[in-house]
Protein backbone atom coordinates (compact mmCIF):
# COMPACT_ATOMS: atom_id res chain seq x y z
CA MET A 1 -91.72 -47.03 -127.97
CA ASN A 2 -93.69 -47.30 -131.12
CA ASN A 3 -94.76 -43.72 -132.30
CA ARG A 4 -97.32 -44.61 -134.79
CA ILE A 5 -100.79 -43.33 -133.80
CA GLU A 6 -103.27 -46.26 -133.37
CA LYS A 7 -106.89 -46.63 -132.13
CA GLY A 8 -107.03 -46.24 -128.39
CA ASP A 9 -103.84 -43.81 -128.15
CA ILE A 10 -104.15 -40.66 -126.27
CA VAL A 11 -103.02 -37.63 -128.54
CA LEU A 12 -102.62 -33.82 -128.25
CA ILE A 13 -103.94 -31.66 -130.98
CA SER A 14 -100.95 -29.75 -132.19
CA LYS A 15 -102.56 -27.94 -135.11
CA SER A 16 -103.49 -24.37 -134.57
CA GLY A 17 -107.24 -23.55 -134.29
CA LYS A 18 -110.34 -24.49 -132.56
CA TYR A 19 -108.79 -27.63 -130.97
CA TYR A 20 -105.41 -26.54 -130.38
CA ASN A 21 -103.82 -28.18 -127.33
CA GLN A 22 -106.73 -30.39 -126.45
CA ILE A 23 -106.24 -33.95 -125.69
CA GLY A 24 -108.41 -36.77 -127.00
CA GLU A 25 -108.44 -40.51 -127.70
CA VAL A 26 -108.11 -41.94 -130.96
CA ILE A 27 -111.22 -43.89 -132.09
CA GLY A 28 -110.44 -44.36 -135.85
CA VAL A 29 -107.58 -44.36 -138.27
CA ASP A 30 -108.00 -44.30 -142.11
CA TYR A 31 -106.29 -43.00 -145.27
CA ASN A 32 -107.40 -40.47 -147.78
CA ILE A 33 -107.01 -40.87 -151.67
CA PHE A 34 -103.64 -39.40 -151.35
CA PHE A 35 -102.63 -42.18 -148.72
CA VAL A 36 -102.59 -39.40 -145.96
CA LYS A 37 -103.39 -40.90 -142.52
CA ILE A 38 -106.52 -39.58 -141.35
CA VAL A 39 -107.19 -39.95 -137.51
CA THR A 40 -110.53 -39.65 -135.84
CA VAL A 41 -110.18 -38.24 -132.25
CA LYS A 42 -112.89 -38.19 -129.61
CA LEU A 43 -112.72 -34.91 -127.82
CA ASP A 44 -115.17 -34.77 -124.77
CA ASN A 45 -118.53 -35.42 -126.53
CA GLN A 46 -117.54 -34.81 -130.11
CA GLU A 47 -115.41 -36.58 -132.81
CA GLU A 48 -113.13 -34.65 -135.30
CA THR A 49 -110.84 -35.60 -137.89
CA PHE A 50 -107.13 -34.67 -138.22
CA GLU A 51 -104.17 -35.67 -140.28
CA GLU A 52 -101.61 -37.58 -138.32
CA LYS A 53 -99.10 -34.73 -138.65
CA ASP A 54 -101.45 -32.39 -136.68
CA LEU A 55 -101.27 -34.77 -133.57
CA GLN A 56 -98.81 -35.42 -130.89
CA LEU A 57 -98.81 -38.90 -129.25
CA GLN A 58 -99.25 -38.50 -125.46
CA THR A 59 -99.88 -42.08 -124.30
CA LYS A 60 -99.96 -45.42 -126.18
CA LYS A 61 -102.70 -47.74 -125.39
CA PRO A 62 -101.63 -50.72 -123.23
CA SER A 63 -100.07 -53.56 -124.85
CA LEU A 64 -101.21 -57.15 -124.43
CA GLN A 65 -98.19 -57.86 -122.09
CA GLU A 66 -98.90 -54.64 -120.11
CA VAL A 67 -102.41 -55.84 -119.57
CA ILE A 68 -101.43 -59.31 -118.52
CA THR A 69 -98.86 -57.51 -116.10
CA SER A 70 -101.83 -55.53 -114.81
CA VAL A 71 -103.82 -58.58 -114.03
CA GLU A 72 -100.95 -60.17 -112.26
CA LYS A 73 -100.40 -57.04 -110.21
CA ILE A 74 -104.11 -57.05 -108.97
CA LEU A 75 -103.84 -60.86 -108.26
CA GLU A 76 -100.84 -59.90 -105.88
CA GLN A 77 -103.12 -57.43 -104.04
CA VAL A 78 -106.00 -59.76 -103.49
CA ASP A 79 -104.34 -61.29 -100.40
CA ARG A 80 -103.99 -57.84 -98.80
CA ILE A 81 -107.89 -57.26 -98.84
CA PRO A 82 -108.81 -58.36 -95.23
CA TYR A 83 -112.72 -57.85 -95.61
CA LEU A 84 -113.18 -59.99 -98.68
CA PRO A 85 -116.18 -62.49 -98.14
CA THR A 86 -115.18 -66.15 -98.13
CA LYS A 87 -117.01 -66.84 -101.46
CA GLU A 88 -115.14 -63.88 -103.13
CA LYS A 89 -111.74 -65.05 -101.66
CA VAL A 90 -112.00 -68.14 -103.90
CA GLU A 91 -113.88 -66.51 -106.81
CA LEU A 92 -111.68 -63.34 -107.35
CA PRO A 93 -108.27 -65.08 -107.85
CA ASN A 94 -109.81 -67.66 -109.96
CA ARG A 95 -111.39 -65.02 -112.15
CA LEU A 96 -108.19 -63.15 -112.42
CA LYS A 97 -106.43 -66.19 -113.41
CA TYR A 98 -108.92 -66.99 -116.09
CA LEU A 99 -108.68 -63.39 -117.43
CA LYS A 100 -105.13 -63.72 -117.66
CA LEU A 101 -105.49 -66.84 -119.72
CA ASP A 102 -108.29 -65.33 -121.88
CA ILE A 103 -106.64 -62.08 -122.90
CA PRO A 104 -104.23 -63.71 -125.49
CA LYS A 105 -107.21 -65.61 -126.98
CA LEU A 106 -108.88 -62.11 -127.64
CA ASP A 107 -112.35 -63.51 -127.13
CA LYS A 108 -114.20 -60.27 -126.28
CA GLN A 109 -117.40 -61.84 -124.67
CA LEU A 110 -115.29 -63.88 -122.50
CA ILE A 111 -112.83 -61.34 -121.30
CA GLN A 112 -115.57 -58.66 -120.87
CA LYS A 113 -117.76 -61.04 -118.67
CA ASN A 114 -114.60 -62.08 -116.52
CA PHE A 115 -113.64 -58.43 -116.15
CA ASP A 116 -117.20 -57.33 -115.25
CA SER A 117 -117.38 -59.96 -112.54
CA ILE A 118 -113.96 -58.90 -111.16
CA ASN A 119 -114.78 -55.18 -111.24
CA THR A 120 -118.22 -55.89 -109.47
CA ILE A 121 -116.51 -57.91 -106.76
CA LEU A 122 -113.87 -55.19 -106.13
CA THR A 123 -116.28 -52.29 -106.40
CA ALA A 124 -118.33 -53.84 -103.65
CA THR A 125 -115.43 -54.64 -101.61
CA LYS A 126 -114.02 -51.30 -101.81
CA GLU A 127 -117.18 -49.68 -100.62
CA VAL A 128 -116.60 -51.34 -97.23
CA ASP A 129 -113.31 -49.53 -96.87
CA SER A 130 -111.62 -47.62 -99.50
CA SER A 131 -108.74 -46.15 -97.30
CA ALA A 132 -106.14 -48.94 -97.68
CA SER A 133 -103.23 -48.04 -99.91
CA PHE A 134 -103.41 -51.07 -102.24
CA TRP A 135 -106.64 -49.76 -103.75
CA GLN A 136 -104.65 -47.22 -105.71
CA GLU A 137 -102.64 -50.00 -107.23
CA ILE A 138 -105.77 -52.05 -108.05
CA ASP A 139 -107.65 -49.02 -109.35
CA SER A 140 -104.75 -48.02 -111.87
CA ASN A 141 -104.61 -51.59 -113.08
CA LEU A 142 -108.31 -52.00 -113.60
CA GLU A 143 -108.39 -48.75 -115.58
CA LYS A 144 -105.50 -50.05 -117.69
CA ILE A 145 -107.34 -53.37 -118.35
CA SER A 146 -110.63 -51.51 -119.04
CA TRP A 147 -108.77 -49.15 -121.58
CA TRP A 148 -107.22 -52.13 -123.35
CA ILE A 149 -110.72 -54.04 -123.57
CA ARG A 150 -112.38 -50.79 -124.84
CA THR A 151 -109.93 -50.18 -127.51
CA SER A 152 -108.52 -53.60 -128.50
CA LEU A 153 -111.48 -55.90 -128.87
């Protein structure tokens, strides 16, 4: 695992003081005049800066391959949704396939448009019946894709 702290990673503040043991998401990385890595971390509704040595990596943001795998996992679950309307039975798998092809191109607008459509279809469908076990798999993979879009593009 790559232990370099990058934008989008989840970190734990290990420096004693006001923010000790808090967890946040890295929203920026820079270097000061002494080439010390300075990391901006979002904690709840505020942003604070820390030296990299004061942070512990908790979770790496998803890689490109992990996101593509998440799309494939959702695609596998689509057939298990019994109450998907006819139009969405065709549109949802197609949009997922396009999303999988678009991700390596890193075209934010195209990826975001497809993801929003997929999310809308799945959210509306889930409202009908969210009790099925496959929703947990779909939701965790949607969250991973959303995290990657937010932090990588």
